[in-house]
Amino acid sequence: MDAYNFHKRIILYSLAIFMSVIFSLALFSTVSSRPFRIGKIPDKGKGFGCATCHTSSRGGGARNSFGSDYANIAIKAGEKYTADLGKKDSDGDGFTNDQEFEARAHPGDPNSKP
């Protein structure tokens, strides 16, 4: 194998590895954003996973109404689901977050009601 083909292969392999790393980071970085927060909510994320707080089921990015309230209340309270957050009707559907969690309804979706 001549030097030209050897260098060409090295460059192609390096580019392939680089692209694989970039793709992996893009794919998995939002999936595991803050998984410890799932354990802080009443259903431990069993009902809706990351979509309990985010508009995307993969998590990360924009928050829904419950996620915004969680950020404003629970995160500021030291990552605790508080009584104030439980009494709040984050999605404005007439039911408190606690009532929605108890009924397995989505506290960030006004169309999901107990």
N, C-alpha and C. Protein backbone atom coordinates (compact mmCIF):
# COMPACT_ATOMS: atom_id res chain seq x y z
N MET A 1 0.85 -1.17 0.00
CA MET A 1 0.00 0.00 0.00
C MET A 1 0.89 1.23 0.00
N ASP A 2 0.60 2.15 -0.89
CA ASP A 2 1.43 3.35 -0.96
C ASP A 2 0.99 4.37 0.11
N ALA A 3 1.83 5.33 0.33
CA ALA A 3 1.59 6.33 1.39
C ALA A 3 0.31 7.13 1.16
N TYR A 4 -0.01 7.42 -0.08
CA TYR A 4 -1.23 8.20 -0.38
C TYR A 4 -2.49 7.46 0.07
N ASN A 5 -2.59 6.19 -0.28
CA ASN A 5 -3.76 5.39 0.12
C ASN A 5 -3.81 5.19 1.63
N PHE A 6 -2.65 5.03 2.25
CA PHE A 6 -2.60 4.86 3.69
C PHE A 6 -3.15 6.10 4.39
N HIS A 7 -2.70 7.29 3.99
CA HIS A 7 -3.17 8.54 4.59
C HIS A 7 -4.65 8.76 4.30
N LYS A 8 -5.09 8.39 3.13
CA LYS A 8 -6.50 8.53 2.76
C LYS A 8 -7.37 7.66 3.67
N ARG A 9 -6.93 6.44 3.92
CA ARG A 9 -7.68 5.55 4.81
C ARG A 9 -7.71 6.09 6.25
N ILE A 10 -6.60 6.58 6.72
CA ILE A 10 -6.53 7.14 8.08
C ILE A 10 -7.51 8.30 8.20
N ILE A 11 -7.54 9.16 7.21
CA ILE A 11 -8.46 10.31 7.24
C ILE A 11 -9.91 9.83 7.23
N LEU A 12 -10.24 8.87 6.39
CA LEU A 12 -11.61 8.36 6.32
C LEU A 12 -12.02 7.69 7.62
N TYR A 13 -11.14 6.88 8.21
CA TYR A 13 -11.45 6.23 9.49
C TYR A 13 -11.62 7.27 10.60
N SER A 14 -10.77 8.25 10.61
CA SER A 14 -10.87 9.32 11.62
C SER A 14 -12.18 10.08 11.48
N LEU A 15 -12.55 10.38 10.26
CA LEU A 15 -13.81 11.08 10.00
C LEU A 15 -15.00 10.22 10.43
N ALA A 16 -14.96 8.94 10.16
CA ALA A 16 -16.04 8.04 10.56
C ALA A 16 -16.17 7.98 12.08
N ILE A 17 -15.06 7.90 12.77
CA ILE A 17 -15.09 7.87 14.24
C ILE A 17 -15.62 9.19 14.78
N PHE A 18 -15.15 10.29 14.24
CA PHE A 18 -15.60 11.61 14.66
C PHE A 18 -17.12 11.75 14.47
N MET A 19 -17.62 11.35 13.33
CA MET A 19 -19.06 11.46 13.06
C MET A 19 -19.86 10.55 13.99
N SER A 20 -19.34 9.38 14.30
CA SER A 20 -20.01 8.47 15.23
C SER A 20 -20.12 9.08 16.61
N VAL A 21 -19.06 9.71 17.07
CA VAL A 21 -19.07 10.35 18.38
C VAL A 21 -20.06 11.51 18.40
N ILE A 22 -20.05 12.34 17.38
CA ILE A 22 -20.98 13.48 17.31
C ILE A 22 -22.42 12.98 17.29
N PHE A 23 -22.71 11.97 16.49
CA PHE A 23 -24.06 11.42 16.41
C PHE A 23 -24.49 10.85 17.76
N SER A 24 -23.61 10.13 18.42
CA SER A 24 -23.93 9.55 19.73
C SER A 24 -24.22 10.63 20.76
N LEU A 25 -23.42 11.67 20.77
CA LEU A 25 -23.65 12.76 21.72
C LEU A 25 -24.98 13.45 21.45
N ALA A 26 -25.29 13.68 20.20
CA ALA A 26 -26.55 14.34 19.85
C ALA A 26 -27.73 13.46 20.21
N LEU A 27 -27.61 12.17 20.02
CA LEU A 27 -28.70 11.25 20.26
C LEU A 27 -28.96 11.03 21.75
N PHE A 28 -27.91 10.89 22.52
CA PHE A 28 -28.08 10.50 23.91
C PHE A 28 -27.96 11.62 24.92
N SER A 29 -27.53 12.80 24.52
CA SER A 29 -27.32 13.86 25.50
C SER A 29 -28.61 14.32 26.14
N THR A 30 -29.71 14.42 25.38
CA THR A 30 -30.97 14.87 25.97
C THR A 30 -31.70 13.75 26.70
N VAL A 31 -31.42 12.51 26.34
CA VAL A 31 -32.12 11.40 26.96
C VAL A 31 -31.80 11.30 28.44
N SER A 32 -30.58 11.59 28.81
CA SER A 32 -30.20 11.45 30.21
C SER A 32 -29.89 12.80 30.86
N SER A 33 -30.63 13.81 30.50
CA SER A 33 -30.38 15.15 30.99
C SER A 33 -30.29 15.20 32.51
N ARG A 34 -31.39 14.97 33.17
CA ARG A 34 -31.45 15.02 34.62
C ARG A 34 -32.34 13.88 35.13
N PRO A 35 -31.92 12.64 34.93
CA PRO A 35 -32.79 11.52 35.28
C PRO A 35 -33.14 11.45 36.77
N PHE A 36 -32.32 12.03 37.63
CA PHE A 36 -32.61 11.98 39.06
C PHE A 36 -33.89 12.73 39.40
N ARG A 37 -34.29 13.69 38.57
CA ARG A 37 -35.52 14.45 38.86
C ARG A 37 -36.76 13.59 38.72
N ILE A 38 -36.72 12.59 37.87
CA ILE A 38 -37.88 11.71 37.70
C ILE A 38 -38.25 11.07 39.03
N GLY A 39 -37.25 10.73 39.82
CA GLY A 39 -37.51 10.11 41.12
C GLY A 39 -38.10 11.06 42.14
N LYS A 40 -38.14 12.33 41.84
CA LYS A 40 -38.65 13.32 42.79
C LYS A 40 -40.16 13.55 42.67
N ILE A 41 -40.74 13.16 41.54
CA ILE A 41 -42.16 13.40 41.34
C ILE A 41 -42.97 12.21 41.89
N PRO A 42 -44.23 12.42 42.23
CA PRO A 42 -45.00 11.37 42.90
C PRO A 42 -45.05 10.01 42.20
N ASP A 43 -45.17 9.98 40.88
CA ASP A 43 -45.25 8.68 40.20
C ASP A 43 -43.88 8.16 39.77
N LYS A 44 -42.83 8.85 40.15
CA LYS A 44 -41.44 8.45 39.82
C LYS A 44 -41.24 8.31 38.30
N GLY A 45 -42.06 9.03 37.52
CA GLY A 45 -41.92 9.02 36.08
C GLY A 45 -42.56 7.83 35.39
N LYS A 46 -43.25 6.99 36.14
CA LYS A 46 -43.84 5.79 35.54
C LYS A 46 -44.94 6.11 34.54
N GLY A 47 -45.65 7.21 34.76
CA GLY A 47 -46.75 7.55 33.86
C GLY A 47 -46.32 8.14 32.54
N PHE A 48 -45.43 9.14 32.59
CA PHE A 48 -45.11 9.88 31.38
C PHE A 48 -43.61 10.09 31.17
N GLY A 49 -42.78 9.57 32.04
CA GLY A 49 -41.33 9.71 31.88
C GLY A 49 -40.91 11.18 31.84
N CYS A 50 -39.99 11.48 30.95
CA CYS A 50 -39.48 12.85 30.82
C CYS A 50 -40.57 13.82 30.37
N ALA A 51 -41.60 13.29 29.68
CA ALA A 51 -42.69 14.15 29.20
C ALA A 51 -43.57 14.65 30.34
N THR A 52 -43.33 14.20 31.56
CA THR A 52 -44.05 14.76 32.69
C THR A 52 -43.74 16.24 32.79
N CYS A 53 -42.50 16.61 32.52
CA CYS A 53 -42.07 18.00 32.62
C CYS A 53 -41.74 18.66 31.29
N HIS A 54 -41.44 17.86 30.28
CA HIS A 54 -40.98 18.40 29.00
C HIS A 54 -41.99 18.15 27.89
N THR A 55 -41.93 18.98 26.86
CA THR A 55 -42.81 18.79 25.72
C THR A 55 -42.37 17.61 24.87
N SER A 56 -41.12 17.22 24.97
CA SER A 56 -40.61 16.07 24.25
C SER A 56 -40.53 14.88 25.21
N SER A 57 -40.91 13.71 24.74
CA SER A 57 -40.83 12.51 25.57
C SER A 57 -39.39 12.10 25.84
N ARG A 58 -38.44 12.65 25.08
CA ARG A 58 -37.02 12.38 25.30
C ARG A 58 -36.43 13.27 26.38
N GLY A 59 -37.19 14.29 26.81
CA GLY A 59 -36.69 15.21 27.83
C GLY A 59 -35.82 16.28 27.22
N GLY A 60 -35.33 17.16 28.06
CA GLY A 60 -34.52 18.27 27.58
C GLY A 60 -35.36 19.26 26.81
N GLY A 61 -34.83 20.42 26.57
CA GLY A 61 -35.56 21.41 25.78
C GLY A 61 -36.72 22.04 26.53
N ALA A 62 -37.74 22.38 25.77
CA ALA A 62 -38.89 23.12 26.31
C ALA A 62 -39.64 22.31 27.37
N ARG A 63 -40.11 23.03 28.36
CA ARG A 63 -40.91 22.42 29.42
C ARG A 63 -42.39 22.68 29.17
N ASN A 64 -43.22 21.75 29.61
CA ASN A 64 -44.66 22.00 29.60
C ASN A 64 -45.01 22.80 30.85
N SER A 65 -46.30 23.06 31.09
CA SER A 65 -46.70 23.90 32.21
C SER A 65 -46.30 23.30 33.56
N PHE A 66 -46.41 21.98 33.71
CA PHE A 66 -45.99 21.36 34.97
C PHE A 66 -44.48 21.49 35.14
N GLY A 67 -43.74 21.28 34.07
CA GLY A 67 -42.28 21.41 34.12
C GLY A 67 -41.84 22.80 34.51
N SER A 68 -42.54 23.81 34.02
CA SER A 68 -42.22 25.20 34.40
C SER A 68 -42.48 25.42 35.88
N ASP A 69 -43.61 24.90 36.36
CA ASP A 69 -43.90 25.03 37.79
C ASP A 69 -42.91 24.24 38.63
N TYR A 70 -42.52 23.06 38.16
CA TYR A 70 -41.51 22.27 38.87
C TYR A 70 -40.22 23.08 38.98
N ALA A 71 -39.82 23.71 37.88
CA ALA A 71 -38.58 24.50 37.89
C ALA A 71 -38.69 25.67 38.86
N ASN A 72 -39.83 26.33 38.89
CA ASN A 72 -40.01 27.50 39.75
C ASN A 72 -40.22 27.16 41.22
N ILE A 73 -40.77 26.00 41.49
CA ILE A 73 -41.08 25.66 42.89
C ILE A 73 -40.15 24.57 43.43
N ALA A 74 -40.13 23.42 42.78
CA ALA A 74 -39.39 22.27 43.32
C ALA A 74 -37.88 22.44 43.26
N ILE A 75 -37.38 22.93 42.14
CA ILE A 75 -35.93 23.10 42.04
C ILE A 75 -35.45 24.14 43.06
N LYS A 76 -36.21 25.22 43.19
CA LYS A 76 -35.83 26.26 44.15
C LYS A 76 -35.95 25.76 45.59
N ALA A 77 -36.78 24.72 45.82
CA ALA A 77 -36.94 24.16 47.16
C ALA A 77 -35.93 23.05 47.43
N GLY A 78 -34.92 22.96 46.58
CA GLY A 78 -33.88 21.94 46.79
C GLY A 78 -34.24 20.61 46.16
N GLU A 79 -34.85 20.68 44.98
CA GLU A 79 -35.24 19.46 44.24
C GLU A 79 -36.24 18.62 45.02
N LYS A 80 -37.26 19.26 45.56
CA LYS A 80 -38.30 18.55 46.32
C LYS A 80 -39.67 18.86 45.75
N TYR A 81 -40.47 17.82 45.58
CA TYR A 81 -41.87 18.00 45.20
C TYR A 81 -42.57 18.49 46.47
N THR A 82 -42.98 19.73 46.47
CA THR A 82 -43.52 20.35 47.67
C THR A 82 -45.05 20.31 47.69
N ALA A 83 -45.62 20.59 48.86
CA ALA A 83 -47.07 20.68 49.00
C ALA A 83 -47.62 21.79 48.11
N ASP A 84 -46.88 22.89 47.99
CA ASP A 84 -47.32 23.99 47.12
C ASP A 84 -47.42 23.54 45.66
N LEU A 85 -46.48 22.76 45.20
CA LEU A 85 -46.52 22.26 43.84
C LEU A 85 -47.68 21.27 43.68
N GLY A 86 -47.91 20.47 44.69
CA GLY A 86 -49.01 19.51 44.65
C GLY A 86 -50.38 20.18 44.61
N LYS A 87 -50.52 21.32 45.27
CA LYS A 87 -51.80 22.04 45.31
C LYS A 87 -52.05 22.86 44.05
N LYS A 88 -51.01 23.08 43.28
CA LYS A 88 -51.11 23.91 42.08
C LYS A 88 -51.79 23.14 40.94
N ASP A 89 -52.53 23.85 40.12
CA ASP A 89 -53.13 23.29 38.91
C ASP A 89 -52.30 23.79 37.74
N SER A 90 -51.19 23.11 37.47
CA SER A 90 -50.22 23.58 36.49
C SER A 90 -50.80 23.73 35.09
N ASP A 91 -51.63 22.79 34.68
CA ASP A 91 -52.14 22.84 33.31
C ASP A 91 -53.49 23.53 33.18
N GLY A 92 -54.03 24.03 34.30
CA GLY A 92 -55.26 24.82 34.26
C GLY A 92 -56.51 24.04 33.88
N ASP A 93 -56.54 22.75 34.17
CA ASP A 93 -57.70 21.94 33.81
C ASP A 93 -58.70 21.75 34.94
N GLY A 94 -58.48 22.44 36.07
CA GLY A 94 -59.40 22.35 37.20
C GLY A 94 -59.03 21.30 38.23
N PHE A 95 -57.94 20.60 38.04
CA PHE A 95 -57.49 19.58 38.98
C PHE A 95 -56.07 19.90 39.43
N THR A 96 -55.80 19.67 40.71
CA THR A 96 -54.46 19.95 41.23
C THR A 96 -53.48 18.90 40.69
N ASN A 97 -52.22 19.23 40.78
CA ASN A 97 -51.18 18.28 40.36
C ASN A 97 -51.29 16.98 41.17
N ASP A 98 -51.54 17.10 42.48
CA ASP A 98 -51.69 15.90 43.30
C ASP A 98 -52.85 15.04 42.81
N GLN A 99 -53.99 15.66 42.51
CA GLN A 99 -55.15 14.90 42.01
C GLN A 99 -54.81 14.19 40.70
N GLU A 100 -54.07 14.88 39.85
CA GLU A 100 -53.72 14.28 38.57
C GLU A 100 -52.76 13.11 38.74
N PHE A 101 -51.77 13.26 39.60
CA PHE A 101 -50.85 12.15 39.84
C PHE A 101 -51.59 10.96 40.44
N GLU A 102 -52.50 11.21 41.39
CA GLU A 102 -53.26 10.13 42.01
C GLU A 102 -54.10 9.39 40.99
N ALA A 103 -54.64 10.10 40.00
CA ALA A 103 -55.50 9.49 38.99
C ALA A 103 -54.73 9.03 37.75
N ARG A 104 -53.42 9.17 37.79
CA ARG A 104 -52.55 8.82 36.65
C ARG A 104 -52.86 9.67 35.41
N ALA A 105 -53.27 10.90 35.65
CA ALA A 105 -53.46 11.86 34.57
C ALA A 105 -52.20 12.70 34.45
N HIS A 106 -52.04 13.37 33.35
CA HIS A 106 -50.82 14.16 33.08
C HIS A 106 -50.98 15.58 33.64
N PRO A 107 -50.15 15.97 34.61
CA PRO A 107 -50.28 17.29 35.23
C PRO A 107 -49.84 18.46 34.34
N GLY A 108 -49.28 18.16 33.19
CA GLY A 108 -48.84 19.21 32.27
C GLY A 108 -49.65 19.25 30.98
N ASP A 109 -50.75 18.50 30.93
CA ASP A 109 -51.58 18.43 29.74
C ASP A 109 -53.03 18.73 30.11
N PRO A 110 -53.57 19.87 29.69
CA PRO A 110 -54.95 20.22 30.06
C PRO A 110 -56.00 19.27 29.50
N ASN A 111 -55.65 18.46 28.52
CA ASN A 111 -56.61 17.49 27.96
C ASN A 111 -56.60 16.16 28.71
N SER A 112 -55.66 15.99 29.64
CA SER A 112 -55.58 14.78 30.45
C SER A 112 -56.14 15.09 31.83
N LYS A 113 -57.31 14.55 32.11
CA LYS A 113 -57.98 14.85 33.38
C LYS A 113 -58.31 13.58 34.13
N PRO A 114 -58.36 13.68 35.43
CA PRO A 114 -58.74 12.49 36.24
C PRO A 114 -60.15 12.02 35.92
